[in-house]
């Protein structure tokens, strides 16, 4: 594929298949037609994001330490953003210690 993209500079069709982890809808119980083990496998091993993470780890482009730092920072960012939205639009409360210098009105 790399050859066709780099030499011809024209559209390329990529067929990709993945696995639906969740139910079709709230009224669907997919455990009636597939096992919990099957879903668990695809959620952990066959999931495109898990496969991409494995690829990056194997190539040395990402590390477990980077993953841990990224997750911690992301959680903090989401908590802070949620807090800030509540402060701005719902409640008038003070920012927690240490957050005042990050975002000022």
N, C-alpha and C. Protein backbone atom coordinates (compact mmCIF):
# COMPACT_ATOMS: atom_id res chain seq x y z
N UNK A 1 0.83 -1.19 0.00
CA UNK A 1 0.00 0.00 0.00
C UNK A 1 0.87 1.25 0.00
N UNK A 2 1.95 1.25 0.73
CA UNK A 2 2.83 2.40 0.80
C UNK A 2 3.33 2.77 -0.60
N UNK A 3 3.64 1.77 -1.41
CA UNK A 3 4.11 1.99 -2.77
C UNK A 3 3.07 2.71 -3.61
N UNK A 4 1.83 2.26 -3.56
CA UNK A 4 0.80 2.88 -4.39
C UNK A 4 0.51 4.31 -3.94
N UNK A 5 0.57 4.58 -2.66
CA UNK A 5 0.33 5.93 -2.18
C UNK A 5 1.46 6.87 -2.56
N UNK A 6 2.70 6.42 -2.43
CA UNK A 6 3.82 7.30 -2.67
C UNK A 6 4.12 7.51 -4.16
N UNK A 7 3.80 6.56 -5.01
CA UNK A 7 4.12 6.69 -6.44
C UNK A 7 3.00 7.30 -7.27
N UNK A 8 1.77 7.00 -6.94
CA UNK A 8 0.68 7.39 -7.83
C UNK A 8 -0.15 8.56 -7.31
N UNK A 9 -0.09 8.87 -6.05
CA UNK A 9 -0.82 9.99 -5.47
C UNK A 9 -2.29 10.02 -5.90
N UNK A 10 -2.95 8.90 -5.72
CA UNK A 10 -4.36 8.84 -6.03
C UNK A 10 -5.07 8.08 -4.91
N UNK A 11 -6.38 8.20 -4.83
CA UNK A 11 -7.12 7.55 -3.75
C UNK A 11 -6.90 6.04 -3.71
N UNK A 12 -6.90 5.51 -2.52
CA UNK A 12 -6.76 4.07 -2.31
C UNK A 12 -7.89 3.63 -1.39
N UNK A 13 -8.53 2.53 -1.74
CA UNK A 13 -9.58 1.98 -0.90
C UNK A 13 -8.97 1.08 0.16
N UNK A 14 -9.29 1.34 1.40
CA UNK A 14 -8.84 0.50 2.50
C UNK A 14 -10.07 -0.17 3.11
N UNK A 15 -10.09 -1.48 3.06
CA UNK A 15 -11.19 -2.21 3.67
C UNK A 15 -10.77 -2.57 5.09
N UNK A 16 -11.54 -2.15 6.05
CA UNK A 16 -11.21 -2.41 7.44
C UNK A 16 -12.40 -3.07 8.13
N UNK A 17 -12.11 -4.07 8.92
CA UNK A 17 -13.16 -4.75 9.66
C UNK A 17 -12.83 -4.66 11.15
N UNK A 18 -13.85 -4.51 11.95
CA UNK A 18 -13.67 -4.47 13.39
C UNK A 18 -14.82 -5.24 14.04
N UNK A 19 -14.89 -5.19 15.33
CA UNK A 19 -15.85 -5.99 16.08
C UNK A 19 -16.70 -5.07 16.94
N UNK A 20 -18.01 -5.24 16.87
CA UNK A 20 -18.91 -4.42 17.69
C UNK A 20 -18.94 -5.00 19.10
N UNK A 21 -18.39 -4.27 20.05
CA UNK A 21 -18.32 -4.73 21.44
C UNK A 21 -19.69 -4.65 22.11
N UNK A 22 -20.39 -3.56 21.87
CA UNK A 22 -21.65 -3.34 22.55
C UNK A 22 -22.84 -3.98 21.85
N UNK A 23 -23.98 -3.83 22.47
CA UNK A 23 -25.23 -4.32 21.90
C UNK A 23 -25.66 -3.40 20.76
N UNK A 24 -26.54 -3.89 19.90
CA UNK A 24 -27.07 -3.05 18.82
C UNK A 24 -27.87 -1.89 19.40
N UNK A 25 -28.64 -2.17 20.43
CA UNK A 25 -29.48 -1.15 21.05
C UNK A 25 -29.75 -1.55 22.50
N UNK A 26 -30.48 -0.73 23.22
CA UNK A 26 -30.79 -1.04 24.61
C UNK A 26 -31.70 -2.25 24.73
N UNK A 27 -32.42 -2.57 23.67
CA UNK A 27 -33.32 -3.74 23.73
C UNK A 27 -32.63 -5.02 23.26
N UNK A 28 -31.39 -4.91 22.81
CA UNK A 28 -30.64 -6.07 22.30
C UNK A 28 -29.78 -6.66 23.41
N UNK A 29 -29.83 -7.98 23.56
CA UNK A 29 -28.95 -8.68 24.49
C UNK A 29 -28.04 -9.59 23.67
N UNK A 30 -26.87 -9.08 23.34
CA UNK A 30 -25.97 -9.84 22.47
C UNK A 30 -25.39 -11.07 23.14
N UNK A 31 -25.54 -11.20 24.45
CA UNK A 31 -25.05 -12.41 25.13
C UNK A 31 -25.90 -13.63 24.73
N UNK A 32 -27.02 -13.40 24.09
CA UNK A 32 -27.86 -14.51 23.62
C UNK A 32 -27.24 -15.19 22.40
N UNK A 33 -26.40 -14.46 21.66
CA UNK A 33 -25.83 -15.06 20.44
C UNK A 33 -24.30 -15.00 20.37
N UNK A 34 -23.64 -14.55 21.44
CA UNK A 34 -22.18 -14.63 21.51
C UNK A 34 -21.74 -14.71 22.97
N UNK A 35 -20.63 -15.37 23.20
CA UNK A 35 -20.19 -15.63 24.57
C UNK A 35 -19.49 -14.41 25.18
N UNK A 36 -19.48 -14.37 26.49
CA UNK A 36 -18.79 -13.31 27.21
C UNK A 36 -17.29 -13.37 26.91
N UNK A 37 -16.74 -14.59 26.80
CA UNK A 37 -15.32 -14.75 26.48
C UNK A 37 -14.96 -14.17 25.12
N UNK A 38 -15.84 -14.35 24.15
CA UNK A 38 -15.61 -13.80 22.81
C UNK A 38 -15.54 -12.28 22.87
N UNK A 39 -16.49 -11.68 23.54
CA UNK A 39 -16.54 -10.22 23.65
C UNK A 39 -15.31 -9.72 24.41
N UNK A 40 -14.96 -10.39 25.49
CA UNK A 40 -13.79 -10.00 26.28
C UNK A 40 -12.51 -10.06 25.44
N UNK A 41 -12.37 -11.12 24.64
CA UNK A 41 -11.19 -11.25 23.78
C UNK A 41 -11.09 -10.04 22.84
N UNK A 42 -12.18 -9.76 22.14
CA UNK A 42 -12.14 -8.66 21.18
C UNK A 42 -11.96 -7.32 21.85
N UNK A 43 -12.47 -7.18 23.06
CA UNK A 43 -12.33 -5.91 23.78
C UNK A 43 -10.88 -5.67 24.19
N UNK A 44 -10.18 -6.73 24.56
CA UNK A 44 -8.80 -6.58 25.06
C UNK A 44 -7.74 -6.81 24.00
N UNK A 45 -7.88 -7.85 23.20
CA UNK A 45 -6.82 -8.25 22.27
C UNK A 45 -7.06 -7.79 20.83
N UNK A 46 -8.29 -7.95 20.38
CA UNK A 46 -8.57 -7.67 18.98
C UNK A 46 -9.05 -6.26 18.71
N UNK A 47 -9.19 -5.46 19.73
CA UNK A 47 -9.68 -4.10 19.59
C UNK A 47 -8.65 -3.27 18.81
N UNK A 48 -9.09 -2.49 17.82
CA UNK A 48 -8.14 -1.73 17.00
C UNK A 48 -7.21 -0.82 17.82
N UNK A 49 -7.72 -0.23 18.88
CA UNK A 49 -6.87 0.65 19.68
C UNK A 49 -5.83 -0.17 20.44
N UNK A 50 -6.22 -1.33 20.96
CA UNK A 50 -5.26 -2.20 21.65
C UNK A 50 -4.21 -2.72 20.67
N UNK A 51 -4.62 -3.07 19.47
CA UNK A 51 -3.66 -3.54 18.46
C UNK A 51 -2.69 -2.43 18.07
N UNK A 52 -3.19 -1.22 17.92
CA UNK A 52 -2.33 -0.10 17.56
C UNK A 52 -1.35 0.20 18.71
N UNK A 53 -1.84 0.13 19.94
CA UNK A 53 -0.96 0.34 21.10
C UNK A 53 0.15 -0.71 21.12
N UNK A 54 -0.19 -1.95 20.84
CA UNK A 54 0.82 -3.02 20.79
C UNK A 54 1.85 -2.75 19.71
N UNK A 55 1.39 -2.27 18.57
CA UNK A 55 2.29 -1.94 17.47
C UNK A 55 3.28 -0.85 17.90
N UNK A 56 2.75 0.22 18.51
CA UNK A 56 3.62 1.31 18.95
C UNK A 56 4.63 0.85 20.00
N UNK A 57 4.18 0.01 20.93
CA UNK A 57 5.08 -0.55 21.94
C UNK A 57 6.17 -1.40 21.30
N UNK A 58 5.78 -2.26 20.36
CA UNK A 58 6.74 -3.14 19.68
C UNK A 58 7.79 -2.36 18.90
N UNK A 59 7.38 -1.24 18.31
CA UNK A 59 8.30 -0.43 17.51
C UNK A 59 9.11 0.54 18.36
N UNK A 60 8.84 0.59 19.67
CA UNK A 60 9.56 1.51 20.55
C UNK A 60 9.12 2.95 20.43
N UNK A 61 7.94 3.17 19.87
CA UNK A 61 7.42 4.52 19.68
C UNK A 61 6.58 5.00 20.85
N UNK A 62 6.28 4.12 21.77
CA UNK A 62 5.45 4.41 22.95
C UNK A 62 5.91 3.48 24.05
N UNK A 63 5.73 3.88 25.30
CA UNK A 63 6.15 3.03 26.41
C UNK A 63 5.05 2.95 27.45
N UNK A 64 5.17 1.98 28.34
CA UNK A 64 4.20 1.84 29.43
C UNK A 64 4.22 3.08 30.32
N UNK A 65 5.41 3.65 30.54
CA UNK A 65 5.51 4.87 31.36
C UNK A 65 4.80 6.04 30.69
N UNK A 66 4.97 6.17 29.38
CA UNK A 66 4.27 7.23 28.66
C UNK A 66 2.76 7.03 28.75
N UNK A 67 2.33 5.78 28.63
CA UNK A 67 0.90 5.47 28.72
C UNK A 67 0.34 5.87 30.08
N UNK A 68 1.07 5.53 31.13
CA UNK A 68 0.64 5.84 32.49
C UNK A 68 0.56 7.37 32.69
N UNK A 69 1.60 8.09 32.25
CA UNK A 69 1.60 9.55 32.38
C UNK A 69 0.46 10.18 31.59
N UNK A 70 0.24 9.67 30.36
CA UNK A 70 -0.80 10.22 29.52
C UNK A 70 -2.19 10.00 30.15
N UNK A 71 -2.41 8.80 30.69
CA UNK A 71 -3.71 8.52 31.32
C UNK A 71 -3.93 9.40 32.54
N UNK A 72 -2.89 9.57 33.37
CA UNK A 72 -3.03 10.42 34.56
C UNK A 72 -3.33 11.86 34.16
N UNK A 73 -2.58 12.37 33.16
CA UNK A 73 -2.81 13.75 32.72
C UNK A 73 -4.20 13.90 32.11
N UNK A 74 -4.62 12.92 31.32
CA UNK A 74 -5.94 12.99 30.69
C UNK A 74 -7.05 13.01 31.73
N UNK A 75 -6.93 12.14 32.73
CA UNK A 75 -7.94 12.12 33.79
C UNK A 75 -7.99 13.47 34.52
N UNK A 76 -6.82 14.02 34.82
CA UNK A 76 -6.77 15.31 35.50
C UNK A 76 -7.40 16.39 34.62
N UNK A 77 -7.08 16.39 33.33
CA UNK A 77 -7.64 17.38 32.42
C UNK A 77 -9.16 17.28 32.34
N UNK A 78 -9.69 16.06 32.28
CA UNK A 78 -11.14 15.88 32.21
C UNK A 78 -11.79 16.33 33.51
N UNK A 79 -11.21 15.95 34.65
CA UNK A 79 -11.77 16.39 35.94
C UNK A 79 -11.76 17.90 36.05
N UNK A 80 -10.64 18.51 35.66
CA UNK A 80 -10.54 19.96 35.75
C UNK A 80 -11.54 20.63 34.82
N UNK A 81 -11.65 20.13 33.59
CA UNK A 81 -12.59 20.72 32.62
C UNK A 81 -14.02 20.61 33.12
N UNK A 82 -14.37 19.45 33.68
CA UNK A 82 -15.71 19.25 34.21
C UNK A 82 -15.97 20.22 35.36
N UNK A 83 -14.99 20.35 36.23
CA UNK A 83 -15.12 21.27 37.36
C UNK A 83 -15.31 22.70 36.86
N UNK A 84 -14.51 23.09 35.87
CA UNK A 84 -14.57 24.45 35.35
C UNK A 84 -15.91 24.73 34.69
N UNK A 85 -16.45 23.78 33.94
CA UNK A 85 -17.76 23.95 33.32
C UNK A 85 -18.83 24.13 34.39
N UNK A 86 -18.79 23.29 35.43
CA UNK A 86 -19.75 23.44 36.52
C UNK A 86 -19.62 24.80 37.18
N UNK A 87 -18.41 25.24 37.41
CA UNK A 87 -18.18 26.53 38.04
C UNK A 87 -18.74 27.66 37.18
N UNK A 88 -18.49 27.58 35.91
CA UNK A 88 -18.91 28.67 35.02
C UNK A 88 -20.42 28.71 34.79
N UNK A 89 -21.04 27.54 34.65
CA UNK A 89 -22.42 27.53 34.19
C UNK A 89 -23.45 27.08 35.22
N UNK A 90 -23.01 26.41 36.27
CA UNK A 90 -23.99 25.89 37.21
C UNK A 90 -23.81 26.49 38.60
N UNK A 91 -22.61 26.37 39.14
CA UNK A 91 -22.37 26.81 40.51
C UNK A 91 -21.34 27.93 40.53
N UNK A 92 -21.39 28.72 41.55
CA UNK A 92 -20.32 29.69 41.80
C UNK A 92 -19.52 29.16 42.96
N UNK A 93 -18.48 28.41 42.66
CA UNK A 93 -17.63 27.85 43.70
C UNK A 93 -16.18 28.17 43.38
N UNK A 94 -15.33 28.13 44.39
CA UNK A 94 -13.92 28.45 44.21
C UNK A 94 -13.18 27.27 43.61
N UNK A 95 -12.17 27.58 42.82
CA UNK A 95 -11.31 26.54 42.26
C UNK A 95 -10.49 25.90 43.37
N UNK A 96 -10.18 24.61 43.24
CA UNK A 96 -9.34 23.96 44.24
C UNK A 96 -7.93 24.52 44.22
N UNK A 97 -7.22 24.36 45.31
CA UNK A 97 -5.85 24.86 45.41
C UNK A 97 -5.00 24.33 44.26
N UNK A 98 -4.21 25.23 43.67
CA UNK A 98 -3.33 24.82 42.60
C UNK A 98 -3.91 24.99 41.21
N UNK A 99 -5.23 25.19 41.11
CA UNK A 99 -5.84 25.32 39.79
C UNK A 99 -6.02 26.78 39.37
N UNK A 100 -5.91 27.68 40.29
CA UNK A 100 -6.14 29.08 39.98
C UNK A 100 -5.18 29.63 38.95
N UNK A 101 -3.94 29.15 38.96
CA UNK A 101 -2.95 29.67 38.02
C UNK A 101 -3.10 29.05 36.64
N UNK A 102 -3.84 27.96 36.51
CA UNK A 102 -3.98 27.28 35.23
C UNK A 102 -4.99 27.99 34.35
N UNK A 103 -6.09 28.38 34.94
CA UNK A 103 -7.16 28.96 34.13
C UNK A 103 -7.81 30.11 34.90
N UNK A 104 -7.67 31.31 34.41
CA UNK A 104 -8.28 32.46 35.06
C UNK A 104 -9.39 33.01 34.19
N UNK A 105 -10.40 33.52 34.83
CA UNK A 105 -11.51 34.13 34.09
C UNK A 105 -11.08 35.41 33.46
